[in-house]
Amino acid sequence: MPKVRRLRDGRVFSNPRGVALSVGKPISMAVSYCCKGYIPEVEGEKYEWVYEDTTDKGKLRADKTYWKRYRKWVDPSTIASLKFRARTIRSWLASTENSDQWRAVNVLAQEFSVVSSYLANFETFVWRPTAFNLSKHLHAYREVYERLFEMQEKYINTPMFKGRAFKFVKSDMNSDIEGVLAEFADRSSFGNRKPVILLNDGTTFDSMSKAREATGVPYYLIFHCCEGDIPHCRLPFEDKELRFAYATEVK
């Protein structure tokens, strides 16, 4: 739905309901009719649709969320494959004395392939990494491997080698792979989730739904507060004002 502009002062609202909440009157339907041209005004005010402002406020930048999209963490085949890769690295760590030394990605690919061939005898998957796809995979899921195995990476650009190098500091046979993946799935910003901040105390929530669960404030009120339609939200039956904002807009 397009946004709404009040002609008197040019103020833009997220939608007709935002107008109604801002004035404290049930006029959202009337505002919609006014924007459509069915009625000339609503309680002395004129409104129109805003089509040029299509900014979706509050969303994280795509380059920060690409590898955190929902299906990356809950798709069964993706998770099963990721678990096998993590177990491969864990087995490699257990059998490698100098895993904390920097290795070029082509060297790691060869060593991981050997370990993966042994594990494949007991599992459904087999991993035959190449220098290119291993570099891409480790970089994409670096937060997971940093947490599990204290992986570190750096980019090398010399006449002899150009590409990423990695080292793994931790060799823990009891690393909880499934637990770590579940934790990342729970706290990641999936799809259209927008992290918000409770300005009263600075608490950050991964989404409006999480903020609703923690505070009891209805989702739609948090939305309109973040959009700037209303200055604050009130808890039902409590004389307390809560102010929310999109985390991307708070410095």
Protein backbone atom coordinates (compact mmCIF):
# COMPACT_ATOMS: atom_id res chain seq x y z
CA MET A 1 0.00 0.00 0.00
CA PRO A 2 1.34 3.49 -0.84
CA LYS A 3 1.98 6.03 1.89
CA VAL A 4 -0.35 8.93 2.71
CA ARG A 5 0.35 12.67 2.60
CA ARG A 6 -1.67 15.24 4.53
CA LEU A 7 -1.94 18.24 2.24
CA ARG A 8 -2.17 20.87 4.96
CA ASP A 9 1.38 20.37 6.22
CA GLY A 10 2.82 17.80 3.83
CA ARG A 11 3.34 15.21 6.56
CA VAL A 12 3.70 11.68 5.23
CA PHE A 13 2.25 8.69 7.11
CA SER A 14 3.00 5.01 6.56
CA ASN A 15 -0.65 4.23 5.71
CA PRO A 16 -4.23 5.36 6.55
CA ARG A 17 -4.12 3.58 9.90
CA GLY A 18 -1.06 5.65 10.79
CA VAL A 19 -3.13 8.79 10.23
CA ALA A 20 -5.91 7.46 12.45
CA LEU A 21 -3.50 6.58 15.25
CA SER A 22 -1.80 9.97 15.06
CA VAL A 23 -5.07 11.83 15.65
CA GLY A 24 -6.61 9.23 17.92
CA LYS A 25 -9.74 8.76 15.84
CA PRO A 26 -11.08 5.79 13.81
CA ILE A 27 -10.74 7.47 10.43
CA SER A 28 -8.47 5.09 8.54
CA MET A 29 -11.19 3.99 6.13
CA ALA A 30 -12.25 7.59 5.51
CA VAL A 31 -8.64 8.59 4.82
CA SER A 32 -8.37 5.77 2.32
CA TYR A 33 -11.57 6.93 0.59
CA CYS A 34 -10.23 10.49 0.49
CA CYS A 35 -6.98 9.32 -1.14
CA LYS A 36 -9.01 7.40 -3.71
CA GLY A 37 -11.08 10.49 -4.48
CA TYR A 38 -14.38 9.15 -3.18
CA ILE A 39 -14.72 11.95 -0.63
CA PRO A 40 -13.13 15.44 -0.71
CA GLU A 41 -11.82 15.58 2.87
CA VAL A 42 -11.83 13.96 6.31
CA GLU A 43 -12.70 16.19 9.27
CA GLY A 44 -11.41 19.24 7.44
CA GLU A 45 -8.21 17.60 6.20
CA LYS A 46 -7.32 16.49 2.67
CA TYR A 47 -5.14 13.49 1.92
CA GLU A 48 -3.49 11.90 -1.10
CA TRP A 49 -1.48 8.80 -1.90
CA VAL A 50 2.32 9.10 -2.01
CA TYR A 51 3.76 6.94 -4.77
CA GLU A 52 7.22 8.42 -5.14
CA ASP A 53 8.36 7.44 -1.62
CA THR A 54 8.86 3.68 -1.77
CA THR A 55 11.56 3.47 0.91
CA ASP A 56 11.15 0.39 3.09
CA LYS A 57 12.41 1.72 6.40
CA GLY A 58 14.11 -0.45 8.97
CA LYS A 59 15.44 -3.25 6.76
CA LEU A 60 19.06 -4.24 7.10
CA ARG A 61 21.26 -3.75 4.07
CA ALA A 62 21.21 -6.73 1.73
CA ASP A 63 24.93 -7.36 2.07
CA LYS A 64 24.46 -7.83 5.81
CA THR A 65 21.62 -10.29 5.55
CA TYR A 66 22.22 -12.35 2.42
CA TRP A 67 23.71 -15.34 4.22
CA LYS A 68 21.25 -15.03 7.11
CA ARG A 69 18.07 -15.52 5.13
CA TYR A 70 15.55 -17.90 6.55
CA ARG A 71 16.01 -20.86 4.23
CA LYS A 72 19.76 -20.90 4.85
CA TRP A 73 19.11 -21.98 8.43
CA VAL A 74 15.97 -24.14 8.27
CA ASP A 75 16.07 -25.90 4.90
CA PRO A 76 16.69 -29.58 5.85
CA SER A 77 19.10 -30.35 3.00
CA THR A 78 21.10 -27.17 3.60
CA ILE A 79 21.38 -27.83 7.34
CA ALA A 80 22.32 -31.49 6.84
CA SER A 81 25.04 -30.48 4.38
CA LEU A 82 26.34 -27.78 6.72
CA LYS A 83 26.46 -30.24 9.63
CA PHE A 84 28.51 -32.67 7.53
CA ARG A 85 30.95 -29.94 6.59
CA ALA A 86 31.32 -28.91 10.23
CA ARG A 87 31.93 -32.54 11.25
CA THR A 88 34.51 -32.82 8.47
CA ILE A 89 36.38 -29.82 9.82
CA ARG A 90 36.13 -31.16 13.37
CA SER A 91 37.61 -34.50 12.26
CA TRP A 92 40.36 -32.67 10.37
CA LEU A 93 41.16 -30.66 13.51
CA ALA A 94 41.39 -33.82 15.58
CA SER A 95 43.93 -35.34 13.21
CA THR A 96 45.97 -32.20 12.45
CA GLU A 97 48.65 -30.98 14.83
CA ASN A 98 49.25 -27.56 13.28
CA SER A 99 45.70 -26.45 12.43
CA ASP A 100 46.49 -23.04 13.96
CA GLN A 101 48.89 -22.23 11.11
CA TRP A 102 47.70 -20.22 8.14
CA ARG A 103 46.81 -22.36 5.13
CA ALA A 104 45.99 -21.26 1.62
CA VAL A 105 42.50 -22.28 0.62
CA ASN A 106 43.75 -24.70 -2.05
CA VAL A 107 45.73 -26.60 0.59
CA LEU A 108 42.73 -26.76 2.90
CA ALA A 109 40.56 -28.02 0.06
CA GLN A 110 42.89 -30.98 -0.51
CA GLU A 111 43.12 -31.83 3.19
CA PHE A 112 39.36 -31.51 3.76
CA SER A 113 38.66 -33.77 0.76
CA VAL A 114 40.73 -36.57 2.28
CA VAL A 115 38.87 -36.38 5.61
CA SER A 116 35.51 -36.10 3.87
CA SER A 117 36.13 -39.29 1.87
CA TYR A 118 36.51 -41.25 5.11
CA LEU A 119 33.36 -39.77 6.69
CA ALA A 120 31.35 -40.39 3.52
CA ASN A 121 31.57 -44.13 4.16
CA PHE A 122 29.31 -43.68 7.16
CA GLU A 123 27.18 -40.73 6.08
CA THR A 124 24.89 -39.73 3.24
CA PHE A 125 26.96 -36.76 2.12
CA VAL A 126 30.38 -36.36 0.60
CA TRP A 127 32.25 -33.08 0.38
CA ARG A 128 34.80 -32.54 -2.36
CA PRO A 129 35.74 -28.89 -1.96
CA THR A 130 37.70 -26.92 -4.50
CA ALA A 131 39.72 -23.84 -3.71
CA PHE A 132 37.00 -21.59 -5.13
CA ASN A 133 33.91 -23.07 -3.46
CA LEU A 134 35.69 -23.68 -0.14
CA SER A 135 36.78 -20.06 0.06
CA LYS A 136 33.23 -18.95 -0.68
CA HIS A 137 31.71 -21.37 1.82
CA LEU A 138 34.03 -20.59 4.74
CA HIS A 139 33.66 -16.87 4.16
CA ALA A 140 29.87 -17.08 3.90
CA TYR A 141 29.49 -19.08 7.11
CA ARG A 142 32.44 -17.55 8.91
CA GLU A 143 30.34 -16.66 11.98
CA VAL A 144 29.46 -20.33 12.47
CA TYR A 145 33.03 -21.56 12.10
CA GLU A 146 34.38 -18.76 14.25
CA ARG A 147 32.04 -19.87 17.00
CA LEU A 148 32.71 -23.61 16.60
CA PHE A 149 36.42 -23.70 15.83
CA GLU A 150 37.72 -20.14 16.29
CA MET A 151 38.38 -19.90 12.57
CA GLN A 152 40.26 -16.85 11.33
CA GLU A 153 40.64 -15.64 7.78
CA LYS A 154 42.73 -13.13 5.87
CA TYR A 155 43.12 -12.11 2.25
CA ILE A 156 46.54 -12.53 0.64
CA ASN A 157 47.60 -10.71 -2.52
CA THR A 158 51.14 -11.56 -3.58
CA PRO A 159 52.78 -12.55 -6.88
CA MET A 160 52.81 -16.17 -5.65
CA PHE A 161 49.26 -16.37 -4.28
CA LYS A 162 46.08 -14.37 -4.40
CA GLY A 163 43.09 -15.40 -2.31
CA ARG A 164 41.91 -16.18 1.22
CA ALA A 165 43.86 -18.09 3.83
CA PHE A 166 42.41 -19.66 6.98
CA LYS A 167 43.47 -21.11 10.29
CA PHE A 168 41.54 -22.88 13.05
CA VAL A 169 42.66 -22.26 16.62
CA LYS A 170 40.34 -24.55 18.51
CA SER A 171 40.18 -28.36 18.31
CA ASP A 172 37.18 -29.27 20.45
CA MET A 173 35.74 -32.72 19.83
CA ASN A 174 32.65 -31.82 21.82
CA SER A 175 31.63 -28.77 19.79
CA ASP A 176 27.84 -28.60 19.79
CA ILE A 177 27.26 -28.16 16.06
CA GLU A 178 23.49 -28.53 16.20
CA GLY A 179 23.22 -26.19 19.18
CA VAL A 180 25.27 -23.48 17.50
CA LEU A 181 23.23 -23.72 14.29
CA ALA A 182 19.99 -23.49 16.29
CA GLU A 183 21.32 -20.42 18.09
CA PHE A 184 22.18 -18.70 14.82
CA ALA A 185 18.77 -19.59 13.40
CA ASP A 186 17.06 -18.08 16.42
CA ARG A 187 18.89 -14.77 16.37
CA SER A 188 19.34 -14.19 12.66
CA SER A 189 17.40 -11.57 10.77
CA PHE A 190 15.24 -13.59 8.38
CA GLY A 191 13.35 -12.29 5.38
CA ASN A 192 11.58 -9.04 6.21
CA ARG A 193 12.42 -8.91 9.89
CA LYS A 194 13.46 -5.47 11.06
CA PRO A 195 15.46 -5.05 14.27
CA VAL A 196 14.06 -2.40 16.62
CA ILE A 197 15.29 -0.56 19.71
CA LEU A 198 13.33 0.32 22.82
CA LEU A 199 14.59 3.87 23.32
CA ASN A 200 13.54 3.95 26.98
CA ASP A 201 16.43 1.70 27.99
CA GLY A 202 18.28 0.92 24.75
CA THR A 203 17.19 -2.73 24.53
CA THR A 204 17.55 -4.12 21.00
CA PHE A 205 15.21 -6.76 19.56
CA ASP A 206 15.84 -8.79 16.40
CA SER A 207 12.31 -8.09 15.16
CA MET A 208 9.05 -6.39 16.05
CA SER A 209 7.64 -9.78 17.00
CA LYS A 210 10.41 -10.24 19.55
CA ALA A 211 9.72 -6.73 20.89
CA ARG A 212 6.01 -7.56 21.17
CA GLU A 213 6.73 -10.76 23.10
CA ALA A 214 9.04 -8.97 25.53
CA THR A 215 6.99 -5.82 26.14
CA GLY A 216 3.38 -6.80 25.48
CA VAL A 217 2.90 -3.87 23.10
CA PRO A 218 0.85 -4.86 20.03
CA TYR A 219 2.85 -5.37 16.86
CA TYR A 220 1.03 -2.69 14.86
CA LEU A 221 1.71 -0.03 17.50
CA ILE A 222 5.43 -0.81 17.46
CA PHE A 223 5.35 -0.55 13.67
CA HIS A 224 3.66 2.86 13.63
CA CYS A 225 5.95 4.14 16.36
CA CYS A 226 9.02 3.11 14.33
CA GLU A 227 7.48 4.67 11.22
CA GLY A 228 7.04 7.96 13.05
CA ASP A 229 3.24 8.00 12.84
CA ILE A 230 2.96 8.12 16.64
CA PRO A 231 5.54 9.34 19.17
CA HIS A 232 5.19 6.44 21.60
CA CYS A 233 3.19 3.35 22.55
CA ARG A 234 1.20 2.78 25.71
CA LEU A 235 0.95 -0.54 27.46
CA PRO A 236 -2.65 -1.67 28.00
CA PHE A 237 -3.89 -0.65 31.46
CA GLU A 238 -0.55 0.91 32.34
CA ASP A 239 0.43 4.56 32.43
CA LYS A 240 3.76 3.99 30.75
CA GLU A 241 5.02 5.31 27.44
CA LEU A 242 7.36 3.15 25.38
CA ARG A 243 9.25 4.62 22.43
CA PHE A 244 10.50 2.37 19.65
CA ALA A 245 12.71 3.06 16.63
CA TYR A 246 14.24 1.01 13.84
CA ALA A 247 17.71 -0.12 14.85
CA THR A 248 19.04 0.91 11.44
CA GLU A 249 18.06 4.52 12.14
CA VAL A 250 19.61 4.85 15.59
CA LYS A 251 23.29 5.71 15.79
